[in-house]
Amino acid sequence: MDTLKDVKIGDTVTVARVHGEGPVKRRIMDMGVTKGTSIHVRKVAPLGDPIEVTVRGYELSIRKADAENIEITR
């Protein structure tokens, strides 16, 4: 299972599934990260956390802990 945490800078992937429970999953989905959504990885902070992505036309910073809950397809 590949997750958003494993994607390299410049790659575009599609969300296959959002894992997690309760408020964590809800917060991710409220940011627009839902099944079938295209995500482009723009930047990664120098220490690797957070990851800056483009989702639905806007930039979003996601912590690696949250990125692990986003299953992707390439």
PDB file of N, CA and C in Angstrom:
ATOM      1  N   MET A   1       0.833  -1.178   0.000  1.00  0.00           N
ATOM      2  CA  MET A   1       0.000   0.000   0.000  1.00  0.00           C
ATOM      3  C   MET A   1       0.881   1.246   0.000  1.00  0.00           C
ATOM      4  N   ASP A   2       0.754   2.076  -1.026  1.00  0.00           N
ATOM      5  CA  ASP A   2       1.483   3.338  -1.084  1.00  0.00           C
ATOM      6  C   ASP A   2       0.662   4.422  -0.407  1.00  0.00           C
ATOM      7  N   THR A   3       1.349   5.319   0.297  1.00  0.00           N
ATOM      8  CA  THR A   3       0.670   6.435   0.944  1.00  0.00           C
ATOM      9  C   THR A   3       1.256   7.744   0.425  1.00  0.00           C
ATOM     10  N   LEU A   4       0.590   8.834   0.715  1.00  0.00           N
ATOM     11  CA  LEU A   4       1.043  10.145   0.281  1.00  0.00           C
ATOM     12  C   LEU A   4       2.424  10.472   0.854  1.00  0.00           C
ATOM     13  N   LYS A   5       2.753   9.908   1.973  1.00  0.00           N
ATOM     14  CA  LYS A   5       4.059  10.134   2.604  1.00  0.00           C
ATOM     15  C   LYS A   5       5.207   9.663   1.715  1.00  0.00           C
ATOM     16  N   ASP A   6       4.966   8.654   0.864  1.00  0.00           N
ATOM     17  CA  ASP A   6       6.014   8.047   0.041  1.00  0.00           C
ATOM     18  C   ASP A   6       6.193   8.706  -1.325  1.00  0.00           C
ATOM     19  N   VAL A   7       5.371   9.683  -1.671  1.00  0.00           N
ATOM     20  CA  VAL A   7       5.402  10.300  -2.995  1.00  0.00           C
ATOM     21  C   VAL A   7       6.557  11.296  -3.080  1.00  0.00           C
ATOM     22  N   LYS A   8       7.226  11.334  -4.234  1.00  0.00           N
ATOM     23  CA  LYS A   8       8.341  12.240  -4.455  1.00  0.00           C
ATOM     24  C   LYS A   8       7.846  13.595  -4.964  1.00  0.00           C
ATOM     25  N   ILE A   9       8.666  14.617  -4.792  1.00  0.00           N
ATOM     26  CA  ILE A   9       8.341  15.966  -5.246  1.00  0.00           C
ATOM     27  C   ILE A   9       8.116  15.957  -6.755  1.00  0.00           C
ATOM     28  N   GLY A  10       7.058  16.619  -7.192  1.00  0.00           N
ATOM     29  CA  GLY A  10       6.751  16.722  -8.611  1.00  0.00           C
ATOM     30  C   GLY A  10       5.795  15.661  -9.129  1.00  0.00           C
ATOM     31  N   ASP A  11       5.537  14.626  -8.349  1.00  0.00           N
ATOM     32  CA  ASP A  11       4.622  13.556  -8.773  1.00  0.00           C
ATOM     33  C   ASP A  11       3.168  13.959  -8.538  1.00  0.00           C
ATOM     34  N   THR A  12       2.306  13.433  -9.397  1.00  0.00           N
ATOM     35  CA  THR A  12       0.866  13.614  -9.229  1.00  0.00           C
ATOM     36  C   THR A  12       0.244  12.243  -9.036  1.00  0.00           C
ATOM     37  N   VAL A  13      -0.570  12.099  -8.006  1.00  0.00           N
ATOM     38  CA  VAL A  13      -1.183  10.812  -7.661  1.00  0.00           C
ATOM     39  C   VAL A  13      -2.680  11.008  -7.438  1.00  0.00           C
ATOM     40  N   THR A  14      -3.385   9.897  -7.322  1.00  0.00           N
ATOM     41  CA  THR A  14      -4.826   9.929  -7.072  1.00  0.00           C
ATOM     42  C   THR A  14      -5.107   9.250  -5.738  1.00  0.00           C
ATOM     43  N   VAL A  15      -6.019   9.820  -4.971  1.00  0.00           N
ATOM     44  CA  VAL A  15      -6.387   9.254  -3.678  1.00  0.00           C
ATOM     45  C   VAL A  15      -7.228   8.001  -3.910  1.00  0.00           C
ATOM     46  N   ALA A  16      -6.790   6.887  -3.315  1.00  0.00           N
ATOM     47  CA  ALA A  16      -7.541   5.638  -3.408  1.00  0.00           C
ATOM     48  C   ALA A  16      -8.458   5.467  -2.202  1.00  0.00           C
ATOM     49  N   ARG A  17      -7.971   5.891  -1.031  1.00  0.00           N
ATOM     50  CA  ARG A  17      -8.732   5.706   0.204  1.00  0.00           C
ATOM     51  C   ARG A  17      -8.131   6.567   1.303  1.00  0.00           C
ATOM     52  N   VAL A  18      -8.976   7.024   2.211  1.00  0.00           N
ATOM     53  CA  VAL A  18      -8.511   7.768   3.381  1.00  0.00           C
ATOM     54  C   VAL A  18      -8.725   6.888   4.602  1.00  0.00           C
ATOM     55  N   HIS A  19      -7.638   6.588   5.308  1.00  0.00           N
ATOM     56  CA  HIS A  19      -7.709   5.778   6.524  1.00  0.00           C
ATOM     57  C   HIS A  19      -7.808   6.701   7.729  1.00  0.00           C
ATOM     58  N   GLY A  20      -7.924   6.132   8.882  1.00  0.00           N
ATOM     59  CA  GLY A  20      -8.006   6.921  10.107  1.00  0.00           C
ATOM     60  C   GLY A  20      -9.365   6.756  10.737  1.00  0.00           C
ATOM     61  N   GLU A  21      -9.505   7.343  11.913  1.00  0.00           N
ATOM     62  CA  GLU A  21     -10.760   7.225  12.642  1.00  0.00           C
ATOM     63  C   GLU A  21     -11.218   8.579  13.133  1.00  0.00           C
ATOM     64  N   GLY A  22     -12.520   8.746  13.176  1.00  0.00           N
ATOM     65  CA  GLY A  22     -13.150   9.918  13.777  1.00  0.00           C
ATOM     66  C   GLY A  22     -12.655  11.244  13.258  1.00  0.00           C
ATOM     67  N   PRO A  23     -12.219  12.111  14.172  1.00  0.00           N
ATOM     68  CA  PRO A  23     -11.851  13.479  13.810  1.00  0.00           C
ATOM     69  C   PRO A  23     -10.677  13.574  12.839  1.00  0.00           C
ATOM     70  N   VAL A  24      -9.741  12.631  12.907  1.00  0.00           N
ATOM     71  CA  VAL A  24      -8.581  12.662  12.013  1.00  0.00           C
ATOM     72  C   VAL A  24      -9.025  12.481  10.566  1.00  0.00           C
ATOM     73  N   LYS A  25      -9.804  11.459  10.316  1.00  0.00           N
ATOM     74  CA  LYS A  25     -10.300  11.193   8.967  1.00  0.00           C
ATOM     75  C   LYS A  25     -11.196  12.340   8.493  1.00  0.00           C
ATOM     76  N   ARG A  26     -12.030  12.836   9.356  1.00  0.00           N
ATOM     77  CA  ARG A  26     -12.951  13.921   9.001  1.00  0.00           C
ATOM     78  C   ARG A  26     -12.190  15.183   8.624  1.00  0.00           C
ATOM     79  N   ARG A  27     -11.122  15.512   9.376  1.00  0.00           N
ATOM     80  CA  ARG A  27     -10.327  16.707   9.101  1.00  0.00           C
ATOM     81  C   ARG A  27      -9.658  16.612   7.741  1.00  0.00           C
ATOM     82  N   ILE A  28      -9.107  15.439   7.417  1.00  0.00           N
ATOM     83  CA  ILE A  28      -8.466  15.231   6.118  1.00  0.00           C
ATOM     84  C   ILE A  28      -9.487  15.393   4.995  1.00  0.00           C
ATOM     85  N   MET A  29     -10.653  14.805   5.161  1.00  0.00           N
ATOM     86  CA  MET A  29     -11.683  14.891   4.134  1.00  0.00           C
ATOM     87  C   MET A  29     -12.233  16.314   4.010  1.00  0.00           C
ATOM     88  N   ASP A  30     -12.308  17.054   5.113  1.00  0.00           N
ATOM     89  CA  ASP A  30     -12.768  18.443   5.066  1.00  0.00           C
ATOM     90  C   ASP A  30     -11.798  19.338   4.287  1.00  0.00           C
ATOM     91  N   MET A  31     -10.533  18.935   4.199  1.00  0.00           N
ATOM     92  CA  MET A  31      -9.544  19.690   3.431  1.00  0.00           C
ATOM     93  C   MET A  31      -9.654  19.418   1.929  1.00  0.00           C
ATOM     94  N   GLY A  32     -10.568  18.540   1.539  1.00  0.00           N
ATOM     95  CA  GLY A  32     -10.768  18.257   0.122  1.00  0.00           C
ATOM     96  C   GLY A  32     -10.086  16.997  -0.365  1.00  0.00           C
ATOM     97  N   VAL A  33      -9.455  16.269   0.539  1.00  0.00           N
ATOM     98  CA  VAL A  33      -8.763  15.036   0.169  1.00  0.00           C
ATOM     99  C   VAL A  33      -9.752  13.884   0.293  1.00  0.00           C
ATOM    100  N   THR A  34     -10.383  13.541  -0.826  1.00  0.00           N
ATOM    101  CA  THR A  34     -11.366  12.468  -0.859  1.00  0.00           C
ATOM    102  C   THR A  34     -11.014  11.484  -1.966  1.00  0.00           C
ATOM    103  N   LYS A  35     -11.654  10.331  -1.970  1.00  0.00           N
ATOM    104  CA  LYS A  35     -11.381   9.293  -2.963  1.00  0.00           C
ATOM    105  C   LYS A  35     -11.546   9.856  -4.376  1.00  0.00           C
ATOM    106  N   GLY A  36     -10.544   9.579  -5.228  1.00  0.00           N
ATOM    107  CA  GLY A  36     -10.582  10.018  -6.609  1.00  0.00           C
ATOM    108  C   GLY A  36      -9.976  11.387  -6.868  1.00  0.00           C
ATOM    109  N   THR A  37      -9.591  12.093  -5.826  1.00  0.00           N
ATOM    110  CA  THR A  37      -9.010  13.429  -5.961  1.00  0.00           C
ATOM    111  C   THR A  37      -7.554  13.328  -6.406  1.00  0.00           C
ATOM    112  N   SER A  38      -7.165  14.199  -7.319  1.00  0.00           N
ATOM    113  CA  SER A  38      -5.785  14.264  -7.797  1.00  0.00           C
ATOM    114  C   SER A  38      -4.974  15.152  -6.859  1.00  0.00           C
ATOM    115  N   ILE A  39      -3.767  14.696  -6.495  1.00  0.00           N
ATOM    116  CA  ILE A  39      -2.887  15.457  -5.602  1.00  0.00           C
ATOM    117  C   ILE A  39      -1.516  15.582  -6.259  1.00  0.00           C
ATOM    118  N   HIS A  40      -1.008  16.815  -6.328  1.00  0.00           N
ATOM    119  CA  HIS A  40       0.331  17.083  -6.876  1.00  0.00           C
ATOM    120  C   HIS A  40       1.235  17.507  -5.721  1.00  0.00           C
ATOM    121  N   VAL A  41       2.358  16.810  -5.530  1.00  0.00           N
ATOM    122  CA  VAL A  41       3.292  17.140  -4.450  1.00  0.00           C
ATOM    123  C   VAL A  41       4.212  18.258  -4.929  1.00  0.00           C
ATOM    124  N   ARG A  42       4.127  19.423  -4.287  1.00  0.00           N
ATOM    125  CA  ARG A  42       4.899  20.600  -4.691  1.00  0.00           C
ATOM    126  C   ARG A  42       6.246  20.696  -3.982  1.00  0.00           C
ATOM    127  N   LYS A  43       6.236  20.585  -2.655  1.00  0.00           N
ATOM    128  CA  LYS A  43       7.460  20.764  -1.863  1.00  0.00           C
ATOM    129  C   LYS A  43       7.417  19.881  -0.630  1.00  0.00           C
ATOM    130  N   VAL A  44       8.596  19.644  -0.084  1.00  0.00           N
ATOM    131  CA  VAL A  44       8.709  18.981   1.210  1.00  0.00           C
ATOM    132  C   VAL A  44       9.650  19.843   2.049  1.00  0.00           C
ATOM    133  N   ALA A  45       9.283  20.096   3.282  1.00  0.00           N
ATOM    134  CA  ALA A  45      10.113  20.917   4.167  1.00  0.00           C
ATOM    135  C   ALA A  45      11.492  20.273   4.348  1.00  0.00           C
ATOM    136  N   PRO A  46      12.509  21.075   4.677  1.00  0.00           N
ATOM    137  CA  PRO A  46      13.874  20.553   4.808  1.00  0.00           C
ATOM    138  C   PRO A  46      14.016  19.333   5.721  1.00  0.00           C
ATOM    139  N   LEU A  47      13.250  19.272   6.782  1.00  0.00           N
ATOM    140  CA  LEU A  47      13.335  18.114   7.675  1.00  0.00           C
ATOM    141  C   LEU A  47      12.296  17.055   7.335  1.00  0.00           C
ATOM    142  N   GLY A  48      11.569  17.244   6.217  1.00  0.00           N
ATOM    143  CA  GLY A  48      10.624  16.243   5.755  1.00  0.00           C
ATOM    144  C   GLY A  48       9.195  16.415   6.235  1.00  0.00           C
ATOM    145  N   ASP A  49       8.949  17.389   7.069  1.00  0.00           N
ATOM    146  CA  ASP A  49       7.594  17.567   7.604  1.00  0.00           C
ATOM    147  C   ASP A  49       7.309  19.053   7.744  1.00  0.00           C
ATOM    148  N   PRO A  50       6.292  19.616   7.164  1.00  0.00           N
ATOM    149  CA  PRO A  50       5.175  19.026   6.432  1.00  0.00           C
ATOM    150  C   PRO A  50       5.457  18.885   4.929  1.00  0.00           C
ATOM    151  N   ILE A  51       4.461  18.349   4.236  1.00  0.00           N
ATOM    152  CA  ILE A  51       4.498  18.183   2.785  1.00  0.00           C
ATOM    153  C   ILE A  51       3.518  19.197   2.202  1.00  0.00           C
ATOM    154  N   GLU A  52       3.952  19.966   1.188  1.00  0.00           N
ATOM    155  CA  GLU A  52       3.040  20.920   0.546  1.00  0.00           C
ATOM    156  C   GLU A  52       2.518  20.301  -0.742  1.00  0.00           C
ATOM    157  N   VAL A  53       1.211  20.241  -0.876  1.00  0.00           N
ATOM    158  CA  VAL A  53       0.569  19.619  -2.035  1.00  0.00           C
ATOM    159  C   VAL A  53      -0.461  20.580  -2.637  1.00  0.00           C
ATOM    160  N   THR A  54      -0.818  20.314  -3.898  1.00  0.00           N
ATOM    161  CA  THR A  54      -1.906  21.046  -4.537  1.00  0.00           C
ATOM    162  C   THR A  54      -3.088  20.097  -4.656  1.00  0.00           C
ATOM    163  N   VAL A  55      -4.214  20.492  -4.071  1.00  0.00           N
ATOM    164  CA  VAL A  55      -5.437  19.696  -4.080  1.00  0.00           C
ATOM    165  C   VAL A  55      -6.578  20.595  -4.531  1.00  0.00           C
ATOM    166  N   ARG A  56      -7.288  20.202  -5.571  1.00  0.00           N
ATOM    167  CA  ARG A  56      -8.458  20.944  -6.051  1.00  0.00           C
ATOM    168  C   ARG A  56      -8.160  22.416  -6.318  1.00  0.00           C
ATOM    169  N   GLY A  57      -6.938  22.702  -6.788  1.00  0.00           N
ATOM    170  CA  GLY A  57      -6.588  24.065  -7.164  1.00  0.00           C
ATOM    171  C   GLY A  57      -6.031  24.947  -6.055  1.00  0.00           C
ATOM    172  N   TYR A  58      -5.819  24.418  -4.862  1.00  0.00           N
ATOM    173  CA  TYR A  58      -5.225  25.227  -3.803  1.00  0.00           C
ATOM    174  C   TYR A  58      -4.089  24.470  -3.127  1.00  0.00           C
ATOM    175  N   GLU A  59      -3.191  25.229  -2.500  1.00  0.00           N
ATOM    176  CA  GLU A  59      -2.047  24.628  -1.820  1.00  0.00           C
ATOM    177  C   GLU A  59      -2.434  24.252  -0.394  1.00  0.00           C
ATOM    178  N   LEU A  60      -1.930  23.106   0.021  1.00  0.00           N
ATOM    179  CA  LEU A  60      -2.258  22.568   1.330  1.00  0.00           C
ATOM    180  C   LEU A  60      -1.005  21.956   1.940  1.00  0.00           C
ATOM    181  N   SER A  61      -0.744  22.218   3.194  1.00  0.00           N
ATOM    182  CA  SER A  61       0.370  21.592   3.903  1.00  0.00           C
ATOM    183  C   SER A  61      -0.179  20.482   4.790  1.00  0.00           C
ATOM    184  N   ILE A  62       0.400  19.303   4.647  1.00  0.00           N
ATOM    185  CA  ILE A  62      -0.066  18.134   5.394  1.00  0.00           C
ATOM    186  C   ILE A  62       1.103  17.547   6.175  1.00  0.00           C
ATOM    187  N   ARG A  63       0.871  17.260   7.444  1.00  0.00           N
ATOM    188  CA  ARG A  63       1.893  16.598   8.261  1.00  0.00           C
ATOM    189  C   ARG A  63       2.087  15.173   7.769  1.00  0.00           C
ATOM    190  N   LYS A  64       3.289  14.643   7.969  1.00  0.00           N
ATOM    191  CA  LYS A  64       3.566  13.267   7.542  1.00  0.00           C
ATOM    192  C   LYS A  64       2.663  12.271   8.251  1.00  0.00           C
ATOM    193  N   ALA A  65       2.321  12.536   9.492  1.00  0.00           N
ATOM    194  CA  ALA A  65       1.437  11.632  10.235  1.00  0.00           C
ATOM    195  C   ALA A  65       0.078  11.540   9.551  1.00  0.00           C
ATOM    196  N   ASP A  66      -0.410  12.654   9.022  1.00  0.00           N
ATOM    197  CA  ASP A  66      -1.680  12.646   8.308  1.00  0.00           C
ATOM    198  C   ASP A  66      -1.513  12.060   6.905  1.00  0.00           C
ATOM    199  N   ALA A  67      -0.374  12.313   6.267  1.00  0.00           N
ATOM    200  CA  ALA A  67      -0.110  11.793   4.924  1.00  0.00           C
ATOM    201  C   ALA A  67      -0.068  10.263   4.913  1.00  0.00           C
ATOM    202  N   GLU A  68       0.305   9.655   6.040  1.00  0.00           N
ATOM    203  CA  GLU A  68       0.319   8.189   6.144  1.00  0.00           C
ATOM    204  C   GLU A  68      -1.086   7.600   6.063  1.00  0.00           C
ATOM    205  N   ASN A  69      -2.093   8.402   6.371  1.00  0.00           N
ATOM    206  CA  ASN A  69      -3.479   7.930   6.340  1.00  0.00           C
ATOM    207  C   ASN A  69      -4.123   8.038   4.960  1.00  0.00           C
ATOM    208  N   ILE A  70      -3.375   8.585   3.985  1.00  0.00           N
ATOM    209  CA  ILE A  70      -3.926   8.790   2.646  1.00  0.00           C
ATOM    210  C   ILE A  70      -3.310   7.755   1.696  1.00  0.00           C
ATOM    211  N   GLU A  71      -4.097   6.744   1.352  1.00  0.00           N
ATOM    212  CA  GLU A  71      -3.645   5.703   0.421  1.00  0.00           C
ATOM    213  C   GLU A  71      -3.808   6.232  -0.998  1.00  0.00           C
ATOM    214  N   ILE A  72      -2.769   6.022  -1.850  1.00  0.00           N
ATOM    215  CA  ILE A  72      -2.793   6.590  -3.191  1.00  0.00           C
ATOM    216  C   ILE A  72      -2.563   5.526  -4.261  1.00  0.00           C
ATOM    217  N   THR A  73      -2.915   5.893  -5.506  1.00  0.00           N
ATOM    218  CA  THR A  73      -2.548   5.106  -6.682  1.00  0.00           C
ATOM    219  C   THR A  73      -1.777   6.035  -7.593  1.00  0.00           C
ATOM    220  N   ARG A  74      -0.829   5.477  -8.314  1.00  0.00           N
ATOM    221  CA  ARG A  74       0.011   6.305  -9.199  1.00  0.00           C
ATOM    222  C   ARG A  74      -0.516   6.344 -10.589  1.00  0.00           C
TER     223      ARG A  74
END
